[in-house]
Amino acid sequence: MTKIIAIVNQKGGVGKTTTAINLSATLSVIGNKVLLIDLDPQGNASSGLGFDQANRQNNIYNLLHNQVTAESAIKKTTVPNLDIIVSSVDLAAADSDFSDYKQRIDLLYHQMFHMKHNYDYIFIDCPPSLNLLTLNALRASQSVIIPIQCEFFSLEGLANLVQTITKIKKTINPRIFIEGILLTMVDKRNRLSQQVEQNVRENFKEMVFNTIIPRNVKLSEATSFGEPSIIYD
């Protein structure tokens, strides 16, 4: 059965898109059929897989508006088994554009019926805010991965986000759960990183992945070349 996972954090710069790109690519390289949906108006996941602004026709905004079919919106990437639905700057106005839709929280959920049977995994890269787009992702997903940077400001929003997901479970998506909290940009030489990691693990216990993502310049370099890190290096 297809696993649909949203990569969510209302704070920007925590490695959310980098996680979405590289987790999607790695799972596809080992033989899984994977779809990445770029739901962020910034479109960094699209850029990180080699799709510039000139190559973003039939995007997720068009799909949510029912202007294109899911089949025509899905694009192949250079990574075997990895497809993408690219973003659009028009998504920035989604809250107002879809305000008159009675089922505006279900827009992505309804489109999933046309996609999920063709993939082992579908990842949704969400915008850095708890807006209509993120609510659509949480409605459509089975689980959530929360990347957080190892700094104290990240801790402030983490508890609020966990509470929000609990509310989502009680209201619009009873099946959703937190797959895990992912510590990113970890510098083991830095005492602050160690303190934040200890704090997160003490408070959220088994919700925190054992795996951590260290600071690595290759991750940043890879996205600038429009490639996942596993292909770049």
Protein backbone atom coordinates (compact mmCIF):
# COMPACT_ATOMS: atom_id res chain seq x y z
CA MET A 1 0.00 0.00 0.00
CA THR A 2 1.23 3.49 -0.82
CA LYS A 3 2.69 5.50 2.05
CA ILE A 4 1.83 9.19 1.84
CA ILE A 5 4.11 11.29 4.02
CA ALA A 6 4.09 15.05 4.56
CA ILE A 7 7.36 16.81 5.41
CA VAL A 8 6.18 19.60 7.71
CA ASN A 9 7.54 22.41 9.85
CA GLN A 10 6.11 25.91 10.12
CA LYS A 11 9.66 27.24 10.59
CA GLY A 12 11.78 27.80 7.49
CA GLY A 13 15.41 26.82 7.03
CA VAL A 14 15.25 23.57 9.00
CA GLY A 15 16.13 21.21 6.13
CA LYS A 16 12.57 20.33 5.17
CA THR A 17 13.04 20.49 1.41
CA THR A 18 16.49 18.89 1.58
CA THR A 19 14.92 16.02 3.52
CA ALA A 20 12.08 15.69 1.00
CA ILE A 21 14.43 15.61 -2.00
CA ASN A 22 17.00 13.22 -0.59
CA LEU A 23 14.60 10.83 1.11
CA SER A 24 12.57 10.59 -2.11
CA ALA A 25 15.68 10.05 -4.22
CA THR A 26 17.23 7.47 -1.92
CA LEU A 27 14.07 5.37 -1.72
CA SER A 28 13.71 5.50 -5.50
CA VAL A 29 17.34 4.50 -6.12
CA ILE A 30 16.85 1.30 -4.10
CA GLY A 31 13.91 0.31 -6.27
CA ASN A 32 10.78 2.03 -4.93
CA LYS A 33 8.42 4.00 -7.14
CA VAL A 34 8.29 7.47 -5.58
CA LEU A 35 6.39 10.71 -6.23
CA LEU A 36 7.43 14.04 -4.71
CA ILE A 37 4.79 16.79 -4.60
CA ASP A 38 6.24 20.29 -4.27
CA LEU A 39 3.54 22.17 -2.36
CA ASP A 40 5.75 25.12 -1.42
CA PRO A 41 5.31 28.34 -3.48
CA GLN A 42 9.08 28.86 -3.26
CA GLY A 43 9.49 25.76 -5.40
CA ASN A 44 12.84 24.73 -3.96
CA ALA A 45 12.13 21.02 -4.30
CA SER A 46 11.41 21.57 -7.99
CA SER A 47 14.67 23.50 -8.42
CA GLY A 48 16.55 20.89 -6.41
CA LEU A 49 15.52 18.25 -8.93
CA GLY A 50 16.46 20.33 -11.96
CA PHE A 51 13.18 22.05 -12.88
CA ASP A 52 13.62 25.78 -13.45
CA GLN A 53 10.75 28.29 -13.70
CA ALA A 54 10.50 27.89 -17.49
CA ASN A 55 9.79 24.18 -17.09
CA ARG A 56 6.93 24.27 -14.62
CA GLN A 57 3.82 24.07 -16.76
CA ASN A 58 1.06 21.71 -15.54
CA ASN A 59 2.02 22.25 -11.93
CA ILE A 60 0.40 21.51 -8.56
CA TYR A 61 -1.52 24.81 -8.64
CA ASN A 62 -3.13 23.81 -11.95
CA LEU A 63 -3.91 20.37 -10.54
CA LEU A 64 -5.61 21.72 -7.42
CA HIS A 65 -7.70 23.95 -9.69
CA ASN A 66 -8.65 20.93 -11.84
CA GLN A 67 -7.11 22.67 -14.85
CA VAL A 68 -4.95 19.61 -15.64
CA THR A 69 -5.10 15.91 -14.86
CA ALA A 70 -2.80 14.19 -12.39
CA GLU A 71 -1.29 12.24 -15.27
CA SER A 72 -0.29 15.39 -17.14
CA ALA A 73 1.01 17.10 -13.98
CA ILE A 74 3.43 14.30 -13.08
CA LYS A 75 6.92 14.75 -14.53
CA LYS A 76 9.81 12.32 -14.63
CA THR A 77 13.08 13.36 -13.02
CA THR A 78 16.60 12.29 -13.94
CA VAL A 79 16.54 9.89 -10.97
CA PRO A 80 15.20 6.43 -11.89
CA ASN A 81 11.76 5.70 -10.37
CA LEU A 82 11.36 9.26 -9.06
CA ASP A 83 8.58 11.52 -10.38
CA ILE A 84 7.60 15.02 -9.29
CA ILE A 85 4.69 17.42 -9.45
CA VAL A 86 6.36 20.82 -9.58
CA SER A 87 5.41 23.96 -7.70
CA SER A 88 4.20 27.34 -8.90
CA VAL A 89 4.52 30.86 -7.47
CA ASP A 90 0.73 31.07 -7.85
CA LEU A 91 0.48 28.88 -4.74
CA ALA A 92 1.36 31.94 -2.66
CA ALA A 93 -2.22 33.14 -3.17
CA ALA A 94 -3.82 29.76 -2.43
CA ASP A 95 -5.58 30.91 0.75
CA SER A 96 -7.51 33.59 -1.13
CA ASP A 97 -7.83 31.75 -4.46
CA PHE A 98 -9.55 28.76 -2.85
CA SER A 99 -11.48 30.66 -0.18
CA ASP A 100 -14.83 30.08 -1.91
CA TYR A 101 -14.32 26.31 -2.24
CA LYS A 102 -16.51 24.42 0.21
CA GLN A 103 -14.07 21.50 0.30
CA ARG A 104 -10.88 23.54 0.10
CA ILE A 105 -9.10 21.35 2.67
CA ASP A 106 -9.81 18.27 0.54
CA LEU A 107 -8.34 19.52 -2.76
CA LEU A 108 -5.15 17.44 -2.58
CA TYR A 109 -6.91 14.55 -0.87
CA HIS A 110 -9.25 14.09 -3.82
CA GLN A 111 -6.37 14.20 -6.31
CA MET A 112 -4.56 11.41 -4.44
CA PHE A 113 -7.08 8.88 -5.74
CA HIS A 114 -5.65 9.39 -9.23
CA MET A 115 -2.01 8.99 -8.14
CA LYS A 116 -1.46 6.80 -5.12
CA HIS A 117 -1.94 3.40 -6.78
CA ASN A 118 1.11 4.00 -9.01
CA TYR A 119 3.62 4.62 -6.21
CA ASP A 120 5.16 2.99 -3.16
CA TYR A 121 5.78 6.37 -1.54
CA ILE A 122 4.38 9.87 -2.03
CA PHE A 123 6.17 12.71 -0.22
CA ILE A 124 4.68 16.18 0.12
CA ASP A 125 7.07 19.08 0.68
CA CYS A 126 5.02 21.65 2.59
CA PRO A 127 5.47 25.43 2.85
CA PRO A 128 6.98 26.85 6.07
CA SER A 129 3.63 27.84 7.57
CA LEU A 130 0.43 26.23 8.82
CA ASN A 131 -1.71 27.60 5.99
CA LEU A 132 -4.31 26.08 3.65
CA LEU A 133 -1.64 24.24 1.64
CA THR A 134 -0.20 22.57 4.74
CA LEU A 135 -3.69 21.65 5.92
CA ASN A 136 -4.30 20.04 2.51
CA ALA A 137 -1.10 18.03 2.92
CA LEU A 138 -2.04 16.92 6.45
CA ARG A 139 -5.51 15.94 5.23
CA ALA A 140 -4.09 13.87 2.38
CA SER A 141 -1.24 12.18 4.27
CA GLN A 142 -1.01 9.11 6.43
CA SER A 143 1.95 10.35 8.42
CA VAL A 144 4.27 13.28 9.05
CA ILE A 145 8.03 13.73 9.27
CA ILE A 146 9.09 16.85 11.18
CA PRO A 147 12.64 18.05 10.47
CA ILE A 148 14.03 20.44 13.07
CA GLN A 149 17.33 22.26 13.15
CA CYS A 150 19.39 21.77 16.29
CA GLU A 151 18.82 25.20 17.79
CA PHE A 152 16.59 26.41 20.62
CA PHE A 153 14.27 28.48 18.41
CA SER A 154 13.25 25.23 16.70
CA LEU A 155 12.05 23.83 20.00
CA GLU A 156 9.53 26.64 20.48
CA GLY A 157 7.51 25.72 17.40
CA LEU A 158 7.87 21.96 17.73
CA ALA A 159 5.43 21.55 20.63
CA ASN A 160 2.85 23.73 18.83
CA LEU A 161 3.20 21.69 15.65
CA VAL A 162 2.73 18.40 17.52
CA GLN A 163 -0.41 19.85 19.14
CA THR A 164 -1.69 20.96 15.71
CA ILE A 165 -1.24 17.47 14.30
CA THR A 166 -3.11 16.06 17.31
CA LYS A 167 -6.00 18.42 16.48
CA ILE A 168 -5.88 17.37 12.82
CA LYS A 169 -6.19 13.75 13.95
CA LYS A 170 -9.29 14.58 15.99
CA THR A 171 -10.98 16.57 13.22
CA ILE A 172 -10.12 16.12 9.54
CA ASN A 173 -7.77 13.10 9.39
CA PRO A 174 -8.14 10.42 12.08
CA ARG A 175 -5.52 8.12 10.48
CA ILE A 176 -2.59 10.58 10.58
CA PHE A 177 0.35 10.03 12.91
CA ILE A 178 3.85 11.40 13.40
CA GLU A 179 6.33 9.16 11.60
CA GLY A 180 9.16 10.86 13.44
CA ILE A 181 11.06 14.00 14.35
CA LEU A 182 14.28 14.36 12.37
CA LEU A 183 17.23 16.30 13.79
CA THR A 184 19.03 18.18 11.01
CA MET A 185 22.18 20.30 10.66
CA VAL A 186 23.64 18.63 13.73
CA ASP A 187 27.18 19.61 14.71
CA LYS A 188 28.40 17.17 17.36
CA ARG A 189 31.29 19.51 18.16
CA ASN A 190 28.82 22.20 19.17
CA ARG A 191 27.56 22.05 22.77
CA LEU A 192 24.32 23.77 21.75
CA SER A 193 23.54 21.02 19.23
CA GLN A 194 24.12 18.42 21.91
CA GLN A 195 21.86 20.23 24.38
CA VAL A 196 19.05 20.63 21.85
CA GLU A 197 19.27 16.97 20.84
CA GLN A 198 19.16 15.89 24.48
CA ASN A 199 16.20 18.18 25.14
CA VAL A 200 14.22 16.92 22.15
CA ARG A 201 14.87 13.27 23.00
CA GLU A 202 13.89 13.78 26.65
CA ASN A 203 10.62 15.48 25.73
CA PHE A 204 9.55 13.53 22.65
CA LYS A 205 11.26 10.19 23.36
CA GLU A 206 10.47 7.49 20.77
CA MET A 207 9.04 10.06 18.36
CA VAL A 208 12.61 11.19 17.57
CA PHE A 209 14.49 9.25 14.88
CA ASN A 210 17.76 7.63 15.95
CA THR A 211 19.28 8.85 12.69
CA ILE A 212 20.53 12.44 12.69
CA ILE A 213 21.57 14.58 9.71
CA PRO A 214 24.93 16.30 10.26
CA ARG A 215 25.96 19.59 8.70
CA ASN A 216 27.40 18.75 5.30
CA VAL A 217 28.31 21.21 2.55
CA LYS A 218 27.66 18.55 -0.11
CA LEU A 219 23.93 18.69 0.69
CA SER A 220 23.84 22.40 -0.17
CA GLU A 221 26.05 21.96 -3.22
CA ALA A 222 23.82 19.20 -4.60
CA THR A 223 20.67 21.33 -4.65
CA SER A 224 22.47 24.13 -6.49
CA PHE A 225 23.26 21.60 -9.24
CA GLY A 226 19.65 20.39 -9.36
CA GLU A 227 20.53 16.94 -8.08
CA PRO A 228 19.87 14.86 -4.94
CA SER A 229 22.99 14.31 -2.85
CA ILE A 230 23.06 10.59 -3.60
CA ILE A 231 23.46 11.42 -7.32
CA TYR A 232 25.70 14.46 -6.86
CA ASP A 233 28.14 12.65 -4.56
